[in-house]
């Protein structure tokens, strides 16, 4: 077991270094074996979450910092792309209902009903910025959760959105600096798509250098959904419970400031940056009520998945789906 303790108090515990079964892998999507989702093994540990009061560019919703323990998990090497998301969005209703083989002991069932498949979007949701190899954008939190549930049902492995704690831990990748690549934004162009180098468009995944965990685009390119409900005072609530249950499709937390489409500057691409979703992200949606599936005004939000190393019991997985979608 390797332990690293920095001067600022960041503690990283590599408890899985001797575990041969805990390594990176590629998840083929059953029925679409030519499409894979690459997953990176992230060994658990303890880290200082949030930003100190004197960090340049800091917002009041980033602290006070807390020491948080994170269990080991796999995280998507890249954001979910249109190549992957379109499989889910286009799949027919009768294929959305699937009960897993009892041998997996991870039974998950998706009920096919009036809201189980994404409605057709009002406009081209790529907004002309690219599809093949580009990250999927503008989906609601509900849609991202349903993609995870769909993949869980198809593979027998439990996939979900990351918690805020898991996301920041993965972004920092053992660092305790404002950016995962250092104290300043001097070298940012090697690692991050931001307003100064993106021409106000998202870019193909994996075209910038990864962080030390081997994960790409956690900063820049897009903001990303987490599983947590957004609170301004998240860190005051954090002690003893490093995750929150989403309470509304309009108040979920995103991480990773979108430097490409939304215009966040280089200095905004810090690992602690966070914001909540807003009702105006549906402004152009003509449907009444507004769609559960698309944020027509949020061309800057996407997502990636995690898979816990230790799979919860089936009843805990079912509790997660119920809690994650309780207000929809």
Protein backbone atom coordinates (compact mmCIF):
# COMPACT_ATOMS: atom_id res chain seq x y z
CA UNK A 1 0.00 0.00 0.00
CA UNK A 2 1.40 3.38 -1.05
CA UNK A 3 0.61 6.50 0.97
CA UNK A 4 1.41 10.04 -0.10
CA UNK A 5 0.98 12.98 2.29
CA UNK A 6 1.52 16.45 0.88
CA UNK A 7 2.50 19.58 2.75
CA UNK A 8 -1.03 20.97 2.46
CA UNK A 9 -2.55 17.86 4.03
CA UNK A 10 -3.77 15.95 0.98
CA UNK A 11 -3.76 12.24 1.79
CA UNK A 12 -3.95 9.68 -0.97
CA UNK A 13 -4.19 5.97 -0.10
CA UNK A 14 -3.51 3.51 -2.88
CA UNK A 15 -5.28 0.53 -1.32
CA UNK A 16 -5.73 -1.37 -4.61
CA UNK A 17 -2.19 -1.38 -5.96
CA UNK A 18 -1.90 -5.16 -5.48
CA UNK A 19 -5.34 -6.02 -6.83
CA UNK A 20 -4.87 -7.58 -10.26
CA UNK A 21 -8.61 -7.50 -10.93
CA UNK A 22 -8.84 -3.76 -10.47
CA UNK A 23 -7.54 -2.32 -13.71
CA UNK A 24 -8.67 -0.34 -16.72
CA UNK A 25 -11.05 -2.04 -19.13
CA UNK A 26 -13.27 -1.40 -22.13
CA UNK A 27 -17.01 -2.03 -21.82
CA UNK A 28 -18.59 -3.21 -25.05
CA UNK A 29 -22.27 -2.32 -25.30
CA UNK A 30 -24.13 -5.63 -25.75
CA UNK A 31 -25.79 -5.73 -29.14
CA UNK A 32 -23.41 -3.04 -30.39
CA UNK A 33 -20.01 -4.70 -29.89
CA UNK A 34 -18.26 -2.21 -32.18
CA UNK A 35 -19.01 0.55 -29.63
CA UNK A 36 -17.05 0.53 -26.37
CA UNK A 37 -16.86 2.71 -23.27
CA UNK A 38 -13.32 2.88 -21.84
CA UNK A 39 -13.19 2.78 -18.04
CA UNK A 40 -10.23 3.84 -15.87
CA UNK A 41 -9.52 2.25 -12.47
CA UNK A 42 -9.40 4.96 -9.77
CA UNK A 43 -8.03 3.65 -6.44
CA UNK A 44 -9.84 5.05 -3.42
CA UNK A 45 -8.40 7.33 -0.79
CA UNK A 46 -8.83 10.43 1.34
CA UNK A 47 -8.48 13.93 -0.10
CA UNK A 48 -9.11 17.56 0.72
CA UNK A 49 -12.28 18.47 -1.19
CA UNK A 50 -13.06 22.07 -2.11
CA UNK A 51 -10.84 25.13 -2.38
CA UNK A 52 -9.07 27.24 0.27
CA UNK A 53 -10.38 30.76 0.81
CA UNK A 54 -7.30 32.31 -0.83
CA UNK A 55 -7.46 30.31 -4.10
CA UNK A 56 -7.64 32.69 -7.06
CA UNK A 57 -11.04 32.64 -8.76
CA UNK A 58 -12.69 30.83 -5.88
CA UNK A 59 -16.48 31.04 -5.40
CA UNK A 60 -18.25 30.86 -2.06
CA UNK A 61 -19.86 27.51 -2.93
CA UNK A 62 -16.49 25.71 -2.95
CA UNK A 63 -15.92 25.37 0.77
CA UNK A 64 -14.96 25.30 3.50
CA UNK A 65 -12.70 22.42 2.39
CA UNK A 66 -13.37 19.01 3.91
CA UNK A 67 -11.37 15.81 4.15
CA UNK A 68 -13.41 13.20 2.30
CA UNK A 69 -12.91 9.46 1.89
CA UNK A 70 -13.72 7.98 -1.51
CA UNK A 71 -13.98 4.25 -2.24
CA UNK A 72 -12.38 2.76 -5.34
CA UNK A 73 -14.31 3.05 -8.60
CA UNK A 74 -13.93 3.03 -12.34
CA UNK A 75 -14.61 6.23 -14.26
CA UNK A 76 -15.16 6.82 -17.96
CA UNK A 77 -11.90 7.77 -19.63
CA UNK A 78 -13.91 10.17 -21.78
CA UNK A 79 -17.27 11.88 -21.68
CA UNK A 80 -20.10 9.82 -23.16
CA UNK A 81 -20.10 10.47 -26.90
CA UNK A 82 -22.91 10.69 -29.41
CA UNK A 83 -21.73 7.32 -30.78
CA UNK A 84 -22.68 5.81 -27.41
CA UNK A 85 -25.62 7.99 -26.43
CA UNK A 86 -27.43 7.56 -29.76
CA UNK A 87 -27.61 3.79 -29.18
CA UNK A 88 -29.67 4.47 -26.08
CA UNK A 89 -31.70 7.32 -27.56
CA UNK A 90 -32.62 5.38 -30.69
CA UNK A 91 -33.31 1.98 -29.19
CA UNK A 92 -36.91 0.83 -29.55
CA UNK A 93 -39.23 0.68 -26.54
CA UNK A 94 -39.47 -3.10 -26.33
CA UNK A 95 -35.69 -3.38 -26.02
CA UNK A 96 -35.66 -1.00 -23.06
CA UNK A 97 -37.32 -3.65 -20.87
CA UNK A 98 -34.76 -6.18 -19.82
CA UNK A 99 -34.39 -8.24 -16.69
CA UNK A 100 -30.87 -9.49 -16.16
CA UNK A 101 -29.92 -13.13 -15.82
CA UNK A 102 -30.39 -14.17 -12.20
CA UNK A 103 -26.84 -15.51 -12.15
CA UNK A 104 -25.49 -11.94 -12.15
CA UNK A 105 -27.37 -11.25 -8.88
CA UNK A 106 -27.73 -7.66 -10.04
CA UNK A 107 -31.23 -7.66 -11.42
CA UNK A 108 -32.31 -4.34 -12.81
CA UNK A 109 -35.49 -3.83 -14.80
CA UNK A 110 -36.42 -0.86 -16.92
CA UNK A 111 -40.14 -0.51 -17.42
CA UNK A 112 -41.15 0.53 -20.92
CA UNK A 113 -43.79 3.21 -20.59
CA UNK A 114 -44.62 6.57 -22.06
CA UNK A 115 -41.47 8.23 -20.73
CA UNK A 116 -38.93 5.41 -21.07
CA UNK A 117 -37.50 6.55 -24.39
CA UNK A 118 -36.13 10.00 -25.19
CA UNK A 119 -38.54 12.23 -27.08
CA UNK A 120 -37.36 13.55 -30.42
CA UNK A 121 -35.46 16.80 -29.85
CA UNK A 122 -36.87 20.06 -31.19
CA UNK A 123 -33.58 20.92 -32.92
CA UNK A 124 -30.35 19.13 -33.83
CA UNK A 125 -28.85 18.75 -30.36
CA UNK A 126 -25.29 18.80 -31.71
CA UNK A 127 -25.97 22.39 -32.82
CA UNK A 128 -23.67 21.73 -35.76
CA UNK A 129 -20.60 21.17 -33.58
CA UNK A 130 -19.96 17.53 -34.55
CA UNK A 131 -21.21 14.02 -33.77
CA UNK A 132 -18.71 11.25 -34.54
CA UNK A 133 -16.32 11.09 -31.59
CA UNK A 134 -17.77 14.22 -30.01
CA UNK A 135 -19.34 14.30 -26.53
CA UNK A 136 -23.12 14.08 -26.29
CA UNK A 137 -24.63 17.31 -24.97
CA UNK A 138 -27.81 18.99 -23.79
CA UNK A 139 -29.40 15.96 -22.13
CA UNK A 140 -31.19 16.47 -18.82
CA UNK A 141 -30.02 14.95 -15.56
CA UNK A 142 -32.90 12.48 -15.88
CA UNK A 143 -31.67 11.41 -19.32
CA UNK A 144 -28.12 10.87 -18.05
CA UNK A 145 -29.45 8.73 -15.17
CA UNK A 146 -31.58 6.71 -17.58
CA UNK A 147 -28.57 6.10 -19.85
CA UNK A 148 -26.72 4.68 -16.84
CA UNK A 149 -29.71 2.49 -15.97
CA UNK A 150 -29.95 1.28 -19.57
CA UNK A 151 -26.25 0.35 -19.62
CA UNK A 152 -26.59 -1.37 -16.24
CA UNK A 153 -29.46 -3.47 -17.53
CA UNK A 154 -27.60 -4.41 -20.71
CA UNK A 155 -24.28 -5.34 -19.07
CA UNK A 156 -25.16 -6.61 -15.57
CA UNK A 157 -22.65 -4.18 -14.04
CA UNK A 158 -23.81 -1.21 -11.99
CA UNK A 159 -23.12 2.09 -13.74
CA UNK A 160 -24.21 5.48 -12.41
CA UNK A 161 -23.27 9.14 -12.40
CA UNK A 162 -20.34 10.13 -10.16
CA UNK A 163 -20.87 11.89 -6.87
CA UNK A 164 -19.37 15.36 -6.56
CA UNK A 165 -16.72 13.85 -4.28
CA UNK A 166 -15.80 11.14 -6.79
CA UNK A 167 -15.70 13.66 -9.62
CA UNK A 168 -13.37 16.08 -7.82
CA UNK A 169 -11.19 13.25 -6.51
CA UNK A 170 -10.80 11.90 -10.06
CA UNK A 171 -10.13 15.38 -11.45
CA UNK A 172 -7.38 16.10 -8.92
CA UNK A 173 -5.74 12.70 -9.54
CA UNK A 174 -3.54 13.00 -6.47
CA UNK A 175 -2.84 16.72 -6.82
CA UNK A 176 -3.69 19.42 -4.29
CA UNK A 177 -3.24 22.37 -6.66
CA UNK A 178 -6.04 24.49 -8.17
CA UNK A 179 -5.58 22.75 -11.53
CA UNK A 180 -4.79 19.05 -11.84
CA UNK A 181 -1.72 20.04 -13.88
CA UNK A 182 -0.32 22.64 -11.46
CA UNK A 183 -0.68 25.86 -9.51
CA UNK A 184 -1.25 28.13 -12.50
CA UNK A 185 -2.98 28.05 -15.88
CA UNK A 186 0.30 28.58 -17.73
CA UNK A 187 0.26 25.12 -19.38
CA UNK A 188 -3.50 24.84 -19.74
CA UNK A 189 -3.59 24.56 -23.55
CA UNK A 190 -2.00 21.11 -23.33
CA UNK A 191 -4.77 19.77 -21.09
CA UNK A 192 -7.97 21.79 -21.45
CA UNK A 193 -10.33 23.13 -24.10
CA UNK A 194 -11.34 26.59 -22.91
CA UNK A 195 -12.68 29.83 -24.33
CA UNK A 196 -9.25 30.88 -25.55
CA UNK A 197 -8.52 27.82 -27.70
CA UNK A 198 -11.84 26.16 -28.61
CA UNK A 199 -13.48 28.60 -31.04
CA UNK A 200 -16.61 28.36 -28.83
CA UNK A 201 -17.28 24.74 -29.83
CA UNK A 202 -16.91 21.45 -28.06
CA UNK A 203 -14.21 19.15 -29.41
CA UNK A 204 -13.68 15.44 -29.93
CA UNK A 205 -12.98 13.60 -26.69
CA UNK A 206 -9.42 12.70 -25.78
CA UNK A 207 -7.71 15.34 -27.91
CA UNK A 208 -6.01 16.96 -24.91
CA UNK A 209 -3.55 15.35 -22.49
CA UNK A 210 -5.07 13.27 -19.64
CA UNK A 211 -4.53 13.82 -15.93
CA UNK A 212 -2.36 11.48 -13.83
CA UNK A 213 -5.18 8.93 -13.56
CA UNK A 214 -5.33 8.78 -17.35
CA UNK A 215 -8.72 10.53 -17.61
CA UNK A 216 -9.37 13.17 -20.28
CA UNK A 217 -11.39 16.40 -20.32
CA UNK A 218 -12.48 16.56 -16.68
CA UNK A 219 -11.69 20.26 -16.94
CA UNK A 220 -12.89 22.15 -20.01
CA UNK A 221 -14.79 20.97 -23.07
CA UNK A 222 -18.10 20.38 -21.19
CA UNK A 223 -19.62 20.69 -17.77
CA UNK A 224 -20.65 17.24 -16.48
CA UNK A 225 -23.59 15.95 -14.48
CA UNK A 226 -23.03 14.42 -11.07
CA UNK A 227 -25.58 12.38 -9.14
CA UNK A 228 -25.84 14.99 -6.37
CA UNK A 229 -28.43 17.61 -5.68
CA UNK A 230 -26.94 21.08 -5.87
CA UNK A 231 -26.62 23.15 -2.68
CA UNK A 232 -24.75 26.42 -2.31
CA UNK A 233 -23.81 25.24 1.19
CA UNK A 234 -22.89 21.71 0.07
CA UNK A 235 -19.70 21.70 2.15
CA UNK A 236 -21.58 22.62 5.31
CA UNK A 237 -23.80 19.57 4.71
CA UNK A 238 -20.96 17.30 3.60
CA UNK A 239 -19.63 16.07 6.92
CA UNK A 240 -20.38 12.37 7.34
CA UNK A 241 -22.17 12.03 4.00
CA UNK A 242 -20.06 12.73 0.90
CA UNK A 243 -22.99 12.57 -1.53
CA UNK A 244 -26.48 13.99 -1.87
CA UNK A 245 -29.63 12.63 -3.48
CA UNK A 246 -30.86 14.59 -6.50
CA UNK A 247 -34.05 16.35 -5.47
CA UNK A 248 -35.07 17.88 -8.78
CA UNK A 249 -34.21 17.74 -12.46
CA UNK A 250 -33.54 21.49 -12.17
CA UNK A 251 -31.29 21.51 -9.10
CA UNK A 252 -28.63 18.91 -9.86
CA UNK A 253 -24.94 19.65 -9.56
CA UNK A 254 -22.52 19.87 -12.48
CA UNK A 255 -18.74 19.80 -12.33
CA UNK A 256 -16.02 20.80 -14.77
CA UNK A 257 -16.65 24.31 -16.07
CA UNK A 258 -17.41 24.29 -19.77
CA UNK A 259 -14.61 26.28 -21.31
CA UNK A 260 -15.40 25.36 -24.89
CA UNK A 261 -19.03 26.31 -25.52
CA UNK A 262 -20.00 28.44 -22.54
CA UNK A 263 -16.99 30.74 -22.57
CA UNK A 264 -15.34 29.92 -19.24
CA UNK A 265 -11.85 31.38 -19.21
CA UNK A 266 -8.64 29.44 -18.56
CA UNK A 267 -8.54 30.62 -14.94
CA UNK A 268 -11.97 29.06 -14.33
CA UNK A 269 -10.84 25.50 -15.06
CA UNK A 270 -10.06 24.58 -11.47
CA UNK A 271 -10.99 21.18 -10.02
CA UNK A 272 -13.16 22.75 -7.30
CA UNK A 273 -15.40 24.74 -9.67
CA UNK A 274 -19.07 23.77 -9.35
CA UNK A 275 -22.54 25.01 -10.32
CA UNK A 276 -26.16 23.88 -10.26
CA UNK A 277 -28.53 23.36 -13.17
CA UNK A 278 -31.12 26.04 -13.92
CA UNK A 279 -34.65 26.15 -15.31
CA UNK A 280 -33.60 28.48 -18.13
CA UNK A 281 -31.60 25.60 -19.64
CA UNK A 282 -34.97 24.54 -21.13
CA UNK A 283 -35.84 27.99 -22.48
CA UNK A 284 -36.12 27.02 -26.18
CA UNK A 285 -38.02 23.79 -25.51
CA UNK A 286 -41.51 24.22 -27.07
CA UNK A 287 -43.03 21.22 -25.28
CA UNK A 288 -45.55 21.69 -22.50
CA UNK A 289 -44.62 20.42 -20.02
CA UNK A 290 -40.92 20.82 -20.79
CA UNK A 291 -39.09 17.70 -21.93
CA UNK A 292 -37.63 15.27 -19.39
CA UNK A 293 -34.89 14.53 -21.90
CA UNK A 294 -33.42 17.69 -23.40
CA UNK A 295 -31.98 20.99 -22.19
CA UNK A 296 -32.24 22.98 -25.41
CA UNK A 297 -30.25 25.91 -23.99
CA UNK A 298 -27.48 23.87 -22.36
CA UNK A 299 -25.12 23.03 -25.20
CA UNK A 300 -22.38 23.00 -22.58
CA UNK A 301 -23.42 20.02 -20.41
CA UNK A 302 -22.70 16.31 -20.85
CA UNK A 303 -21.71 13.42 -18.56
CA UNK A 304 -19.49 10.44 -17.93
CA UNK A 305 -20.17 7.31 -15.89
CA UNK A 306 -18.62 5.57 -12.91
CA UNK A 307 -18.84 1.98 -11.72
CA UNK A 308 -18.12 1.25 -8.03
CA UNK A 309 -15.42 -1.37 -7.47
CA UNK A 310 -17.58 -2.99 -4.80
CA UNK A 311 -20.98 -3.62 -6.34
CA UNK A 312 -23.87 -2.78 -3.98
CA UNK A 313 -26.50 -5.36 -3.15
CA UNK A 314 -29.45 -5.45 -5.61
CA UNK A 315 -31.77 -3.73 -3.14
CA UNK A 316 -29.27 -0.88 -2.74
CA UNK A 317 -29.04 -0.49 -6.51
CA UNK A 318 -32.82 -0.33 -6.72
CA UNK A 319 -32.86 2.28 -3.93
CA UNK A 320 -30.40 4.34 -5.97
CA UNK A 321 -32.65 4.34 -9.05
CA UNK A 322 -35.67 5.26 -6.95
CA UNK A 323 -33.87 8.11 -5.19
CA UNK A 324 -32.14 9.36 -8.33
CA UNK A 325 -35.48 9.74 -10.14
CA UNK A 326 -37.83 10.42 -7.24
CA UNK A 327 -39.07 13.78 -8.53
CA UNK A 328 -39.72 12.77 -12.15
